[in-house]
Amino acid sequence: METQYKVISDWLCLTTKQKARKIESHLNRLSAEGWEFVALDAVMFFGNDVGFYLILKRSFSENPTIQQG
């Protein structure tokens, strides 16, 4: 089974509410494409939380099943 990983970075989240909306937007859009949440890491700048890294994965089967009719 092959696994792909995607890292999304988003900066300049000035409020917690804005950060939550951005994370939710990314997850809603990408989960529809088969991506799964792996981890979330905060981006700190001089002790302030200003953004995040969102890590996602998507797994593929190496041998696709062949449907017989």
PDB file of N, CA and C in Angstrom:
ATOM      1  N   MET A   1       0.841  -1.170   0.000  1.00  0.00           N
ATOM      2  CA  MET A   1       0.000   0.000   0.000  1.00  0.00           C
ATOM      3  C   MET A   1       0.891   1.238   0.000  1.00  0.00           C
ATOM      4  N   GLU A   2       0.624   2.137  -0.905  1.00  0.00           N
ATOM      5  CA  GLU A   2       1.381   3.374  -1.023  1.00  0.00           C
ATOM      6  C   GLU A   2       0.682   4.477  -0.232  1.00  0.00           C
ATOM      7  N   THR A   3       1.479   5.272   0.488  1.00  0.00           N
ATOM      8  CA  THR A   3       0.931   6.366   1.277  1.00  0.00           C
ATOM      9  C   THR A   3       1.574   7.671   0.848  1.00  0.00           C
ATOM     10  N   GLN A   4       0.750   8.664   0.584  1.00  0.00           N
ATOM     11  CA  GLN A   4       1.228  10.009   0.274  1.00  0.00           C
ATOM     12  C   GLN A   4       0.986  10.893   1.489  1.00  0.00           C
ATOM     13  N   TYR A   5       1.891  11.837   1.695  1.00  0.00           N
ATOM     14  CA  TYR A   5       1.733  12.805   2.772  1.00  0.00           C
ATOM     15  C   TYR A   5       1.699  14.208   2.193  1.00  0.00           C
ATOM     16  N   LYS A   6       0.940  15.081   2.817  1.00  0.00           N
ATOM     17  CA  LYS A   6       0.824  16.475   2.389  1.00  0.00           C
ATOM     18  C   LYS A   6       0.968  17.353   3.622  1.00  0.00           C
ATOM     19  N   VAL A   7       1.803  18.381   3.507  1.00  0.00           N
ATOM     20  CA  VAL A   7       1.974  19.350   4.591  1.00  0.00           C
ATOM     21  C   VAL A   7       1.461  20.697   4.091  1.00  0.00           C
ATOM     22  N   ILE A   8       0.537  21.267   4.826  1.00  0.00           N
ATOM     23  CA  ILE A   8      -0.025  22.566   4.496  1.00  0.00           C
ATOM     24  C   ILE A   8       0.398  23.540   5.580  1.00  0.00           C
ATOM     25  N   SER A   9       0.965  24.652   5.158  1.00  0.00           N
ATOM     26  CA  SER A   9       1.314  25.691   6.135  1.00  0.00           C
ATOM     27  C   SER A   9       0.429  26.892   5.888  1.00  0.00           C
ATOM     28  N   ASP A  10      -0.007  27.501   6.956  1.00  0.00           N
ATOM     29  CA  ASP A  10      -0.839  28.690   6.859  1.00  0.00           C
ATOM     30  C   ASP A  10      -0.371  29.667   7.931  1.00  0.00           C
ATOM     31  N   TRP A  11      -0.102  30.882   7.528  1.00  0.00           N
ATOM     32  CA  TRP A  11       0.483  31.876   8.402  1.00  0.00           C
ATOM     33  C   TRP A  11      -0.456  33.054   8.599  1.00  0.00           C
ATOM     34  N   LEU A  12      -0.079  33.923   9.489  1.00  0.00           N
ATOM     35  CA  LEU A  12      -0.798  35.156   9.787  1.00  0.00           C
ATOM     36  C   LEU A  12      -2.212  34.911  10.282  1.00  0.00           C
ATOM     37  N   CYS A  13      -2.332  33.948  11.165  1.00  0.00           N
ATOM     38  CA  CYS A  13      -3.601  33.732  11.876  1.00  0.00           C
ATOM     39  C   CYS A  13      -3.553  34.634  13.102  1.00  0.00           C
ATOM     40  N   LEU A  14      -4.259  35.740  13.040  1.00  0.00           N
ATOM     41  CA  LEU A  14      -4.156  36.747  14.097  1.00  0.00           C
ATOM     42  C   LEU A  14      -5.008  36.426  15.319  1.00  0.00           C
ATOM     43  N   THR A  15      -6.052  35.605  15.142  1.00  0.00           N
ATOM     44  CA  THR A  15      -6.895  35.218  16.274  1.00  0.00           C
ATOM     45  C   THR A  15      -7.086  33.703  16.260  1.00  0.00           C
ATOM     46  N   THR A  16      -7.465  33.165  17.389  1.00  0.00           N
ATOM     47  CA  THR A  16      -7.738  31.736  17.490  1.00  0.00           C
ATOM     48  C   THR A  16      -8.912  31.352  16.594  1.00  0.00           C
ATOM     49  N   LYS A  17      -9.900  32.224  16.526  1.00  0.00           N
ATOM     50  CA  LYS A  17     -11.068  31.966  15.688  1.00  0.00           C
ATOM     51  C   LYS A  17     -10.681  31.873  14.214  1.00  0.00           C
ATOM     52  N   GLN A  18      -9.831  32.762  13.759  1.00  0.00           N
ATOM     53  CA  GLN A  18      -9.371  32.747  12.370  1.00  0.00           C
ATOM     54  C   GLN A  18      -8.571  31.480  12.083  1.00  0.00           C
ATOM     55  N   LYS A  19      -7.731  31.087  13.034  1.00  0.00           N
ATOM     56  CA  LYS A  19      -6.926  29.877  12.876  1.00  0.00           C
ATOM     57  C   LYS A  19      -7.833  28.651  12.778  1.00  0.00           C
ATOM     58  N   ALA A  20      -8.838  28.566  13.633  1.00  0.00           N
ATOM     59  CA  ALA A  20      -9.768  27.432  13.622  1.00  0.00           C
ATOM     60  C   ALA A  20     -10.530  27.361  12.300  1.00  0.00           C
ATOM     61  N   ARG A  21     -10.943  28.509  11.781  1.00  0.00           N
ATOM     62  CA  ARG A  21     -11.670  28.535  10.503  1.00  0.00           C
ATOM     63  C   ARG A  21     -10.792  28.069   9.347  1.00  0.00           C
ATOM     64  N   LYS A  22      -9.528  28.480   9.347  1.00  0.00           N
ATOM     65  CA  LYS A  22      -8.613  28.061   8.295  1.00  0.00           C
ATOM     66  C   LYS A  22      -8.362  26.548   8.354  1.00  0.00           C
ATOM     67  N   ILE A  23      -8.159  26.020   9.557  1.00  0.00           N
ATOM     68  CA  ILE A  23      -7.939  24.578   9.712  1.00  0.00           C
ATOM     69  C   ILE A  23      -9.169  23.816   9.242  1.00  0.00           C
ATOM     70  N   GLU A  24     -10.341  24.261   9.667  1.00  0.00           N
ATOM     71  CA  GLU A  24     -11.588  23.608   9.274  1.00  0.00           C
ATOM     72  C   GLU A  24     -11.776  23.647   7.757  1.00  0.00           C
ATOM     73  N   SER A  25     -11.468  24.751   7.149  1.00  0.00           N
ATOM     74  CA  SER A  25     -11.601  24.891   5.699  1.00  0.00           C
ATOM     75  C   SER A  25     -10.694  23.913   4.965  1.00  0.00           C
ATOM     76  N   HIS A  26      -9.431  23.822   5.391  1.00  0.00           N
ATOM     77  CA  HIS A  26      -8.492  22.880   4.766  1.00  0.00           C
ATOM     78  C   HIS A  26      -8.976  21.442   4.935  1.00  0.00           C
ATOM     79  N   LEU A  27      -9.396  21.092   6.153  1.00  0.00           N
ATOM     80  CA  LEU A  27      -9.828  19.717   6.412  1.00  0.00           C
ATOM     81  C   LEU A  27     -11.084  19.359   5.627  1.00  0.00           C
ATOM     82  N   ASN A  28     -12.046  20.252   5.545  1.00  0.00           N
ATOM     83  CA  ASN A  28     -13.264  19.983   4.789  1.00  0.00           C
ATOM     84  C   ASN A  28     -12.968  19.763   3.312  1.00  0.00           C
ATOM     85  N   ARG A  29     -12.129  20.613   2.755  1.00  0.00           N
ATOM     86  CA  ARG A  29     -11.810  20.521   1.327  1.00  0.00           C
ATOM     87  C   ARG A  29     -11.021  19.255   1.008  1.00  0.00           C
ATOM     88  N   LEU A  30     -10.008  18.968   1.817  1.00  0.00           N
ATOM     89  CA  LEU A  30      -9.120  17.855   1.506  1.00  0.00           C
ATOM     90  C   LEU A  30      -9.667  16.493   1.921  1.00  0.00           C
ATOM     91  N   SER A  31     -10.516  16.435   2.939  1.00  0.00           N
ATOM     92  CA  SER A  31     -11.100  15.148   3.316  1.00  0.00           C
ATOM     93  C   SER A  31     -12.027  14.637   2.216  1.00  0.00           C
ATOM     94  N   ALA A  32     -12.623  15.543   1.459  1.00  0.00           N
ATOM     95  CA  ALA A  32     -13.460  15.147   0.322  1.00  0.00           C
ATOM     96  C   ALA A  32     -12.619  14.481  -0.776  1.00  0.00           C
ATOM     97  N   GLU A  33     -11.328  14.755  -0.799  1.00  0.00           N
ATOM     98  CA  GLU A  33     -10.415  14.159  -1.778  1.00  0.00           C
ATOM     99  C   GLU A  33      -9.724  12.908  -1.238  1.00  0.00           C
ATOM    100  N   GLY A  34     -10.106  12.472  -0.035  1.00  0.00           N
ATOM    101  CA  GLY A  34      -9.539  11.245   0.527  1.00  0.00           C
ATOM    102  C   GLY A  34      -8.380  11.440   1.483  1.00  0.00           C
ATOM    103  N   TRP A  35      -8.052  12.665   1.834  1.00  0.00           N
ATOM    104  CA  TRP A  35      -6.954  12.923   2.764  1.00  0.00           C
ATOM    105  C   TRP A  35      -7.444  12.755   4.194  1.00  0.00           C
ATOM    106  N   GLU A  36      -6.551  12.237   5.056  1.00  0.00           N
ATOM    107  CA  GLU A  36      -6.853  12.017   6.469  1.00  0.00           C
ATOM    108  C   GLU A  36      -5.915  12.849   7.324  1.00  0.00           C
ATOM    109  N   PHE A  37      -6.435  13.368   8.433  1.00  0.00           N
ATOM    110  CA  PHE A  37      -5.658  14.153   9.386  1.00  0.00           C
ATOM    111  C   PHE A  37      -4.612  13.277  10.065  1.00  0.00           C
ATOM    112  N   VAL A  38      -3.369  13.798  10.178  1.00  0.00           N
ATOM    113  CA  VAL A  38      -2.297  13.109  10.895  1.00  0.00           C
ATOM    114  C   VAL A  38      -1.850  13.932  12.101  1.00  0.00           C
ATOM    115  N   ALA A  39      -1.522  15.205  11.864  1.00  0.00           N
ATOM    116  CA  ALA A  39      -0.995  16.028  12.963  1.00  0.00           C
ATOM    117  C   ALA A  39      -1.191  17.511  12.669  1.00  0.00           C
ATOM    118  N   LEU A  40      -1.112  18.292  13.739  1.00  0.00           N
ATOM    119  CA  LEU A  40      -1.204  19.746  13.656  1.00  0.00           C
ATOM    120  C   LEU A  40      -0.114  20.316  14.548  1.00  0.00           C
ATOM    121  N   ASP A  41       0.669  21.247  13.998  1.00  0.00           N
ATOM    122  CA  ASP A  41       1.753  21.849  14.768  1.00  0.00           C
ATOM    123  C   ASP A  41       1.644  23.370  14.664  1.00  0.00           C
ATOM    124  N   ALA A  42       1.762  24.035  15.775  1.00  0.00           N
ATOM    125  CA  ALA A  42       1.660  25.505  15.805  1.00  0.00           C
ATOM    126  C   ALA A  42       2.945  26.148  15.310  1.00  0.00           C
ATOM    127  N   VAL A  43       2.812  27.309  14.683  1.00  0.00           N
ATOM    128  CA  VAL A  43       3.950  28.123  14.262  1.00  0.00           C
ATOM    129  C   VAL A  43       4.055  29.283  15.250  1.00  0.00           C
ATOM    130  N   MET A  44       5.185  29.352  15.919  1.00  0.00           N
ATOM    131  CA  MET A  44       5.391  30.378  16.931  1.00  0.00           C
ATOM    132  C   MET A  44       6.385  31.423  16.417  1.00  0.00           C
ATOM    133  N   PHE A  45       6.116  32.689  16.715  1.00  0.00           N
ATOM    134  CA  PHE A  45       6.999  33.786  16.351  1.00  0.00           C
ATOM    135  C   PHE A  45       7.108  34.701  17.561  1.00  0.00           C
ATOM    136  N   PHE A  46       8.274  34.737  18.162  1.00  0.00           N
ATOM    137  CA  PHE A  46       8.514  35.502  19.391  1.00  0.00           C
ATOM    138  C   PHE A  46       7.481  35.168  20.471  1.00  0.00           C
ATOM    139  N   GLY A  47       7.169  33.890  20.587  1.00  0.00           N
ATOM    140  CA  GLY A  47       6.254  33.434  21.626  1.00  0.00           C
ATOM    141  C   GLY A  47       4.780  33.580  21.302  1.00  0.00           C
ATOM    142  N   ASN A  48       4.459  34.061  20.104  1.00  0.00           N
ATOM    143  CA  ASN A  48       3.062  34.219  19.698  1.00  0.00           C
ATOM    144  C   ASN A  48       2.702  33.161  18.661  1.00  0.00           C
ATOM    145  N   ASP A  49       1.532  32.600  18.808  1.00  0.00           N
ATOM    146  CA  ASP A  49       1.028  31.594  17.876  1.00  0.00           C
ATOM    147  C   ASP A  49       0.472  32.319  16.651  1.00  0.00           C
ATOM    148  N   VAL A  50       1.164  32.218  15.500  1.00  0.00           N
ATOM    149  CA  VAL A  50       0.783  32.988  14.312  1.00  0.00           C
ATOM    150  C   VAL A  50       0.352  32.127  13.128  1.00  0.00           C
ATOM    151  N   GLY A  51       0.394  30.818  13.271  1.00  0.00           N
ATOM    152  CA  GLY A  51       0.027  29.960  12.153  1.00  0.00           C
ATOM    153  C   GLY A  51       0.107  28.502  12.532  1.00  0.00           C
ATOM    154  N   PHE A  52       0.109  27.660  11.506  1.00  0.00           N
ATOM    155  CA  PHE A  52       0.125  26.221  11.772  1.00  0.00           C
ATOM    156  C   PHE A  52       0.647  25.439  10.564  1.00  0.00           C
ATOM    157  N   TYR A  53       1.082  24.225  10.849  1.00  0.00           N
ATOM    158  CA  TYR A  53       1.382  23.214   9.845  1.00  0.00           C
ATOM    159  C   TYR A  53       0.357  22.111  10.032  1.00  0.00           C
ATOM    160  N   LEU A  54      -0.310  21.736   8.972  1.00  0.00           N
ATOM    161  CA  LEU A  54      -1.314  20.682   8.988  1.00  0.00           C
ATOM    162  C   LEU A  54      -0.765  19.529   8.157  1.00  0.00           C
ATOM    163  N   ILE A  55      -0.675  18.342   8.758  1.00  0.00           N
ATOM    164  CA  ILE A  55      -0.113  17.176   8.078  1.00  0.00           C
ATOM    165  C   ILE A  55      -1.234  16.178   7.814  1.00  0.00           C
ATOM    166  N   LEU A  56      -1.330  15.755   6.550  1.00  0.00           N
ATOM    167  CA  LEU A  56      -2.380  14.849   6.107  1.00  0.00           C
ATOM    168  C   LEU A  56      -1.754  13.671   5.368  1.00  0.00           C
ATOM    169  N   LYS A  57      -2.503  12.568   5.278  1.00  0.00           N
ATOM    170  CA  LYS A  57      -2.028  11.422   4.511  1.00  0.00           C
ATOM    171  C   LYS A  57      -3.167  10.851   3.686  1.00  0.00           C
ATOM    172  N   ARG A  58      -2.787  10.150   2.612  1.00  0.00           N
ATOM    173  CA  ARG A  58      -3.754   9.473   1.755  1.00  0.00           C
ATOM    174  C   ARG A  58      -3.108   8.173   1.313  1.00  0.00           C
ATOM    175  N   SER A  59      -3.822   7.068   1.482  1.00  0.00           N
ATOM    176  CA  SER A  59      -3.296   5.748   1.144  1.00  0.00           C
ATOM    177  C   SER A  59      -3.921   5.237  -0.139  1.00  0.00           C
ATOM    178  N   PHE A  60      -3.093   4.552  -0.926  1.00  0.00           N
ATOM    179  CA  PHE A  60      -3.536   3.942  -2.171  1.00  0.00           C
ATOM    180  C   PHE A  60      -3.159   2.474  -2.170  1.00  0.00           C
ATOM    181  N   SER A  61      -3.991   1.656  -2.757  1.00  0.00           N
ATOM    182  CA  SER A  61      -3.692   0.244  -2.920  1.00  0.00           C
ATOM    183  C   SER A  61      -2.792   0.099  -4.144  1.00  0.00           C
ATOM    184  N   GLU A  62      -1.709  -0.685  -4.016  1.00  0.00           N
ATOM    185  CA  GLU A  62      -0.788  -0.876  -5.135  1.00  0.00           C
ATOM    186  C   GLU A  62      -1.405  -1.724  -6.228  1.00  0.00           C
ATOM    187  N   ASN A  63      -2.234  -2.695  -5.840  1.00  0.00           N
ATOM    188  CA  ASN A  63      -2.881  -3.575  -6.806  1.00  0.00           C
ATOM    189  C   ASN A  63      -4.372  -3.298  -6.799  1.00  0.00           C
ATOM    190  N   PRO A  64      -4.834  -2.449  -7.702  1.00  0.00           N
ATOM    191  CA  PRO A  64      -6.270  -2.158  -7.716  1.00  0.00           C
ATOM    192  C   PRO A  64      -7.072  -3.406  -8.048  1.00  0.00           C
ATOM    193  N   THR A  65      -8.198  -3.548  -7.407  1.00  0.00           N
ATOM    194  CA  THR A  65      -9.029  -4.713  -7.658  1.00  0.00           C
ATOM    195  C   THR A  65      -9.685  -4.591  -9.020  1.00  0.00           C
ATOM    196  N   ILE A  66      -9.744  -5.690  -9.716  1.00  0.00           N
ATOM    197  CA  ILE A  66     -10.351  -5.731 -11.039  1.00  0.00           C
ATOM    198  C   ILE A  66     -11.736  -6.295 -10.903  1.00  0.00           C
ATOM    199  N   GLN A  67     -12.706  -5.547 -11.344  1.00  0.00           N
ATOM    200  CA  GLN A  67     -14.078  -6.007 -11.249  1.00  0.00           C
ATOM    201  C   GLN A  67     -14.405  -6.860 -12.468  1.00  0.00           C
ATOM    202  N   GLN A  68     -14.923  -8.036 -12.191  1.00  0.00           N
ATOM    203  CA  GLN A  68     -15.297  -8.922 -13.280  1.00  0.00           C
ATOM    204  C   GLN A  68     -16.811  -8.887 -13.447  1.00  0.00           C
ATOM    205  N   GLY A  69     -17.276  -8.851 -14.699  1.00  0.00           N
ATOM    206  CA  GLY A  69     -18.699  -8.717 -14.969  1.00  0.00           C
ATOM    207  C   GLY A  69     -19.409  -9.949 -15.272  1.00  0.00           C
TER     208      GLY A  69
END
